[in-house]
Protein backbone atom coordinates (compact mmCIF):
# COMPACT_ATOMS: atom_id res chain seq x y z
CA MET A 1 -19.78 10.83 -39.00
CA THR A 2 -21.37 7.65 -37.65
CA ALA A 3 -21.79 7.24 -33.93
CA ALA A 4 -20.92 3.97 -32.29
CA PRO A 5 -23.87 1.86 -31.20
CA GLY A 6 -25.34 3.03 -27.92
CA THR A 7 -23.75 6.50 -28.11
CA ASP A 8 -25.23 9.94 -28.55
CA PRO A 9 -24.46 11.23 -32.10
CA GLU A 10 -24.21 14.76 -30.70
CA ASN A 11 -21.30 13.71 -28.48
CA ALA A 12 -19.61 11.23 -30.83
CA THR A 13 -15.98 12.09 -31.56
CA PRO A 14 -14.70 12.45 -35.16
CA ALA A 15 -11.22 11.19 -35.99
CA GLY A 16 -8.62 13.70 -34.85
CA ASP A 17 -11.08 15.51 -32.56
CA ASN A 18 -9.66 16.46 -29.15
CA GLY A 19 -11.08 17.02 -25.69
CA THR A 20 -11.40 20.80 -26.17
CA THR A 21 -13.46 20.37 -29.35
CA ARG A 22 -15.75 17.87 -27.64
CA LEU A 23 -16.25 20.18 -24.69
CA SER A 24 -17.02 23.12 -27.00
CA ARG A 25 -19.63 21.08 -28.86
CA ARG A 26 -21.26 20.07 -25.59
CA VAL A 27 -21.22 23.65 -24.34
CA ARG A 28 -23.08 24.86 -27.45
CA HIS A 29 -25.59 22.04 -27.09
CA TRP A 30 -26.22 22.72 -23.39
CA LEU A 31 -26.50 26.48 -23.90
CA ALA A 32 -29.08 25.97 -26.61
CA GLY A 33 -31.12 23.42 -24.72
CA ALA A 34 -30.88 23.95 -21.00
CA GLY A 35 -29.43 27.38 -20.35
CA VAL A 36 -26.46 28.65 -18.41
CA ALA A 37 -27.70 27.43 -15.01
CA ALA A 38 -28.04 23.84 -16.20
CA LEU A 39 -24.62 24.04 -17.88
CA ALA A 40 -22.98 25.07 -14.62
CA ALA A 41 -24.63 22.19 -12.78
CA VAL A 42 -23.65 19.58 -15.37
CA LEU A 43 -20.08 20.85 -15.59
CA GLY A 44 -19.82 20.63 -11.82
CA VAL A 45 -20.90 17.01 -11.86
CA THR A 46 -18.54 16.22 -14.76
CA LEU A 47 -15.53 17.73 -13.01
CA ALA A 48 -16.35 15.88 -9.80
CA VAL A 49 -16.49 12.55 -11.62
CA ARG A 50 -13.28 13.16 -13.56
CA GLY A 51 -11.51 14.26 -10.39
CA GLY A 52 -12.39 11.08 -8.53
CA ALA A 53 -14.50 12.86 -5.94
CA THR A 54 -15.42 10.98 -2.80
CA PRO A 55 -18.95 9.53 -3.07
CA ALA A 56 -21.70 11.32 -1.17
CA CYS A 57 -22.11 10.06 2.41
CA ALA A 58 -18.79 8.20 2.23
CA ALA A 59 -17.37 7.25 5.62
CA PRO A 60 -14.96 4.63 6.96
CA PRO A 61 -16.23 1.68 8.99
CA THR A 62 -16.66 2.76 12.64
CA GLY A 63 -18.32 1.64 15.84
CA THR A 64 -19.88 -1.80 16.22
CA THR A 65 -21.56 -2.10 12.81
CA VAL A 66 -20.97 -5.49 11.19
CA HIS A 67 -20.61 -5.41 7.40
CA LYS A 68 -21.37 -8.44 5.24
CA GLY A 69 -19.77 -8.95 1.84
CA THR A 70 -17.02 -10.72 -0.07
CA ALA A 71 -13.24 -10.58 -0.09
CA SER A 72 -10.64 -11.14 -2.79
CA PHE A 73 -6.86 -10.80 -2.42
CA TYR A 74 -3.92 -8.96 -3.98
CA GLU A 75 -0.24 -8.21 -3.42
CA ALA A 76 0.94 -4.63 -2.86
CA GLY A 77 4.64 -5.46 -2.94
CA ARG A 78 6.68 -2.77 -1.22
CA SER A 79 4.04 -0.11 -1.79
CA GLY A 80 2.18 1.53 1.06
CA GLY A 81 -0.89 1.80 -1.16
CA THR A 82 -2.99 4.88 -1.85
CA CYS A 83 -2.62 5.77 1.84
CA SER A 84 1.00 6.64 0.92
CA PHE A 85 2.53 4.77 3.83
CA PRO A 86 6.29 4.21 3.53
CA SER A 87 5.66 0.44 3.32
CA PRO A 88 3.06 -2.19 4.19
CA PRO A 89 2.76 -3.23 7.86
CA ALA A 90 5.49 -5.61 8.97
CA ASP A 91 3.05 -8.52 9.29
CA ARG A 92 1.69 -7.76 5.80
CA LEU A 93 -1.90 -7.98 7.04
CA TYR A 94 -3.65 -5.17 5.19
CA VAL A 95 -6.81 -4.40 3.23
CA ALA A 96 -8.04 -2.18 0.41
CA LEU A 97 -11.55 -0.72 0.58
CA GLY A 98 -13.95 0.53 -2.07
CA SER A 99 -14.25 4.29 -2.55
CA SER A 100 -17.27 4.75 -0.27
CA GLN A 101 -15.50 3.22 2.72
CA TYR A 102 -12.02 4.44 1.81
CA ALA A 103 -13.78 7.82 1.98
CA GLY A 104 -11.07 9.99 0.51
CA ALA A 105 -8.37 8.47 2.79
CA ALA A 106 -10.49 8.81 5.96
CA ALA A 107 -10.12 5.06 6.57
CA CYS A 108 -6.33 5.03 6.23
CA GLY A 109 -4.50 3.59 9.22
CA SER A 110 -7.61 2.16 10.87
CA TYR A 111 -8.16 -1.55 11.51
CA LEU A 112 -10.81 -4.13 10.65
CA ASP A 113 -11.49 -7.59 12.01
CA VAL A 114 -12.43 -9.75 9.02
CA SER A 115 -14.06 -13.16 9.47
CA GLY A 116 -14.32 -15.83 6.77
CA PRO A 117 -14.80 -19.59 6.41
CA LYS A 118 -11.49 -20.44 8.15
CA GLY A 119 -11.27 -17.82 10.88
CA THR A 120 -10.71 -14.13 11.67
CA VAL A 121 -7.83 -11.79 10.87
CA ARG A 122 -7.07 -8.21 11.90
CA VAL A 123 -5.95 -5.99 9.04
CA MET A 124 -4.89 -2.37 8.60
CA VAL A 125 -6.54 -0.20 5.92
CA MET A 126 -3.76 0.72 3.52
CA ASP A 127 -5.27 1.05 0.08
CA GLN A 128 -8.26 1.89 -2.09
CA CYS A 129 -9.73 -0.86 -4.24
CA GLY A 130 -10.84 0.57 -7.56
CA GLY A 131 -12.99 -2.42 -8.46
CA CYS A 132 -14.66 -2.90 -5.08
CA GLY A 133 -18.22 -1.83 -4.40
CA THR A 134 -19.74 -1.15 -1.01
CA SER A 135 -19.74 -4.81 0.03
CA LYS A 136 -16.40 -6.04 -1.32
CA ILE A 137 -12.92 -5.73 0.16
CA ASP A 138 -9.48 -6.73 -1.11
CA LEU A 139 -7.19 -8.44 1.40
CA SER A 140 -3.47 -9.04 1.21
CA ASP A 141 -2.42 -12.55 0.22
CA GLU A 142 -1.35 -13.27 3.80
CA ALA A 143 -4.60 -11.99 5.30
CA PHE A 144 -6.83 -13.89 2.88
CA ALA A 145 -4.99 -17.15 3.67
CA ARG A 146 -6.00 -16.68 7.32
CA ILE A 147 -9.73 -16.62 6.57
CA ALA A 148 -10.17 -18.75 3.43
CA ASP A 149 -8.45 -21.04 0.95
CA ARG A 150 -6.70 -19.02 -1.77
CA ALA A 151 -8.04 -21.45 -4.36
CA GLN A 152 -11.49 -19.96 -3.73
CA GLY A 153 -10.40 -16.61 -5.16
CA ILE A 154 -13.35 -14.86 -3.52
CA ALA A 155 -14.77 -15.71 -0.11
CA PRO A 156 -17.85 -14.59 1.86
CA VAL A 157 -16.86 -12.45 4.85
CA THR A 158 -18.12 -10.24 7.61
CA TYR A 159 -16.03 -7.39 8.95
CA ARG A 160 -16.22 -4.62 11.51
CA ALA A 161 -14.08 -1.73 12.73
CA VAL A 162 -11.65 -2.29 15.58
CA VAL A 163 -12.30 0.46 18.12
CA ASN A 164 -9.20 1.55 20.08
CA PRO A 165 -6.90 -1.20 18.74
CA PRO A 166 -3.81 -1.83 20.90
CA LEU A 167 -0.75 -0.35 19.21
CA ASP A 168 2.99 -0.56 19.69
CA GLY A 169 4.28 2.97 20.27
CA GLY A 170 2.78 6.42 19.72
CA LEU A 171 1.74 8.54 16.78
CA THR A 172 4.16 9.00 13.91
CA PHE A 173 4.53 11.98 11.60
CA ARG A 174 6.01 12.17 8.10
CA MET A 175 6.42 15.40 6.16
CA LYS A 176 5.69 15.12 2.45
CA GLY A 177 8.39 15.78 -0.11
CA GLY A 178 8.22 19.46 -1.06
CA ALA A 179 6.74 20.54 2.27
CA SER A 180 8.20 23.70 3.81
CA LYS A 181 7.28 26.57 6.10
CA TYR A 182 5.29 27.91 3.13
CA TRP A 183 3.36 24.69 2.40
CA PHE A 184 2.62 22.32 5.26
CA ALA A 185 1.90 18.66 4.45
CA VAL A 186 2.09 15.88 7.03
CA GLN A 187 1.04 12.26 7.23
CA VAL A 188 -0.06 10.90 10.61
CA GLY A 189 0.53 7.23 11.31
CA ASN A 190 0.01 4.64 14.07
CA HIS A 191 -3.27 6.20 15.22
CA GLY A 192 -5.50 3.11 15.16
CA ASN A 193 -8.92 4.77 14.91
CA PRO A 194 -9.94 6.80 11.83
CA LEU A 195 -8.94 10.46 12.16
CA ARG A 196 -11.44 13.31 12.28
CA SER A 197 -9.04 16.27 12.20
CA VAL A 198 -5.42 17.37 12.26
CA GLU A 199 -4.27 20.84 13.33
CA ALA A 200 -0.79 22.31 13.31
CA LYS A 201 1.07 25.37 14.51
CA GLY A 202 4.61 26.56 14.09
CA SER A 203 6.93 28.31 16.50
CA SER A 204 4.49 31.25 16.64
CA GLY A 205 0.75 31.68 16.13
CA GLY A 206 -2.16 29.42 16.93
CA PHE A 207 -3.31 26.06 15.61
CA ARG A 208 -4.51 25.95 12.01
CA LYS A 209 -6.76 23.21 10.67
CA ALA A 210 -5.23 21.03 7.97
CA ALA A 211 -7.22 19.61 5.07
CA ARG A 212 -7.22 15.87 4.44
CA GLN A 213 -6.05 14.87 0.95
CA VAL A 214 -6.88 11.64 -0.88
CA ASP A 215 -3.25 10.51 -0.59
CA ASN A 216 -3.54 10.55 3.23
CA TYR A 217 -1.57 13.75 3.79
CA TRP A 218 -2.94 16.71 5.73
CA THR A 219 -2.11 20.10 4.24
CA VAL A 220 -2.19 23.79 5.08
CA GLU A 221 -1.80 25.44 1.70
CA ASP A 222 -0.03 28.62 2.80
CA GLY A 223 1.97 26.88 5.50
CA VAL A 224 2.24 27.47 9.25
CA GLY A 225 5.65 29.12 9.28
CA PRO A 226 8.92 27.74 10.61
CA GLY A 227 9.09 24.84 13.02
CA PRO A 228 9.39 23.06 15.29
CA TYR A 229 5.69 22.21 15.09
CA SER A 230 2.95 21.17 17.45
CA ILE A 231 0.41 18.85 15.83
CA ARG A 232 -2.97 18.15 17.42
CA VAL A 233 -4.75 15.00 16.24
CA THR A 234 -8.38 14.04 16.93
CA ASP A 235 -9.98 10.72 16.02
CA VAL A 236 -13.61 10.00 15.17
CA TYR A 237 -14.40 8.96 18.75
CA GLY A 238 -13.15 12.22 20.24
CA HIS A 239 -9.74 11.10 21.55
CA GLN A 240 -7.20 13.87 21.12
CA ALA A 241 -3.41 13.99 21.38
CA THR A 242 -0.91 16.80 20.81
CA ALA A 243 2.69 16.11 19.83
CA THR A 244 5.36 18.81 19.92
CA ALA A 245 8.87 19.23 18.52
CA ILE A 246 7.93 17.87 15.08
CA ARG A 247 10.55 19.05 12.61
CA MET A 248 10.37 20.06 8.95
CA VAL A 249 12.30 17.05 7.72
CA THR A 250 10.69 15.52 4.65
CA LYS A 251 10.22 11.82 3.91
CA GLN A 252 11.36 10.78 7.37
CA VAL A 253 9.17 9.11 9.98
CA GLN A 254 9.25 11.02 13.27
CA ARG A 255 8.00 9.08 16.26
CA SER A 256 6.23 10.58 19.25
CA THR A 257 4.95 9.33 22.57
CA ALA A 258 1.47 10.73 21.91
CA SER A 259 -1.21 8.06 21.59
CA LEU A 260 -4.92 8.25 20.81
CA VAL A 261 -5.47 4.74 22.15
CA SER A 262 -4.00 2.75 25.01
CA PRO A 263 -0.55 1.38 24.19
CA THR A 264 0.10 -2.36 24.39
CA PRO A 265 1.47 -3.66 27.71
CA SER A 266 4.90 -4.05 26.12
CA SER A 267 4.94 -0.37 25.23
CA SER A 268 3.93 1.02 28.61
CA PRO A 269 3.52 -0.26 32.17
CA SER A 270 0.09 1.38 32.26
CA ALA A 271 -2.84 0.59 29.97
CA THR A 272 -4.13 4.18 30.21
CA PRO A 273 -2.36 7.20 28.67
CA SER A 274 -1.38 9.79 31.25
CA PRO A 275 -2.36 13.46 30.74
CA THR A 276 1.26 14.41 30.12
CA VAL A 277 3.63 12.07 28.33
CA ALA A 278 7.37 12.38 28.70
CA PRO A 279 9.53 12.80 25.58
CA SER A 280 11.53 9.92 24.18
CA THR A 281 14.60 9.68 22.00
CA THR A 282 15.00 7.54 18.88
CA PRO A 283 18.16 6.84 16.86
CA ALA A 284 16.75 8.81 13.91
CA GLU A 285 16.09 11.93 15.95
CA SER A 286 18.22 14.01 18.26
CA ALA A 287 15.10 15.44 19.94
CA ALA A 288 11.97 13.32 19.70
CA PRO A 289 8.51 14.92 19.87
CA THR A 290 6.75 15.28 23.19
CA ALA A 291 3.02 14.96 23.66
CA THR A 292 -0.08 15.59 25.69
CA VAL A 293 -3.13 13.36 25.53
CA GLU A 294 -6.76 13.94 26.49
CA ALA A 295 -10.21 12.57 25.75
CA LEU A 296 -12.94 14.87 24.49
CA ALA A 297 -16.41 14.26 25.91
CA GLY A 298 -19.44 13.78 23.73
CA ALA A 299 -17.71 13.33 20.37
CA GLY A 300 -19.35 10.73 18.13
CA PRO A 301 -18.08 8.68 15.18
CA LEU A 302 -17.40 10.41 11.91
CA GLY A 303 -20.30 10.73 9.48
CA ALA A 304 -21.21 12.88 6.52
CA PRO A 305 -24.08 15.35 7.06
CA GLY A 306 -27.39 13.87 6.00
CA CYS A 307 -26.16 10.28 5.77
């Protein structure tokens, strides 16, 4: 067997060899050379890389930090991107971030103001850009045309998070296909700021913390029982809202009156959410969720420990 140039002959793969054989060969090599402890450490790193683990210290853009980099453009079609939204925003102004700022879906649904040679555009984070590093972003065709000439292909930009962006309407909730009282999985939309946590409870029992998944759904693996559900949402700045009467209806967007940020003037006569928000009714729902909203004192922006 001849190894390809630049490869380790010990790990080169003969014709017809499969992944199991390669792993066995590496296991024997590691056991002989570094011992069981080193093997466990290396296997852990290997599995993390293969599984697309979020980079260490990954976090979405927050606060007033201005980022400098470059932007390219792409077309997502009807897809809602890796954030799993039902569709792109109606204005088709969206952006894909590299893995460190996508941060395992932590950036999904947040907004950036992006400035280029021609001007500034506000975009919603909808996707992960596989080929983008820490200083490159991928804008929609429509967004790129607002800040640069498309003929450039790539343009220098600066961008920053939009804190408390004005939104039309309250939080939305969408149960994932396959979700049930035994496996809870919900997507939260129209929140504006990056989310820190999502908690849910069924018709009985207390709130249970959901785990964020890389497809932008929040799950409780053994479920929270039968609905209707109360869902408590907290963003990275400490704003918190609780919506009630969320039903176990999969693949349907359920709208609530809960809002983590101030609604736009067209959505409410007041620019400040009241402590208790009255329920509303939408054509798609016979009983729309109700909500309570409050701000938590002293909560800071999201950040990984040690970053």
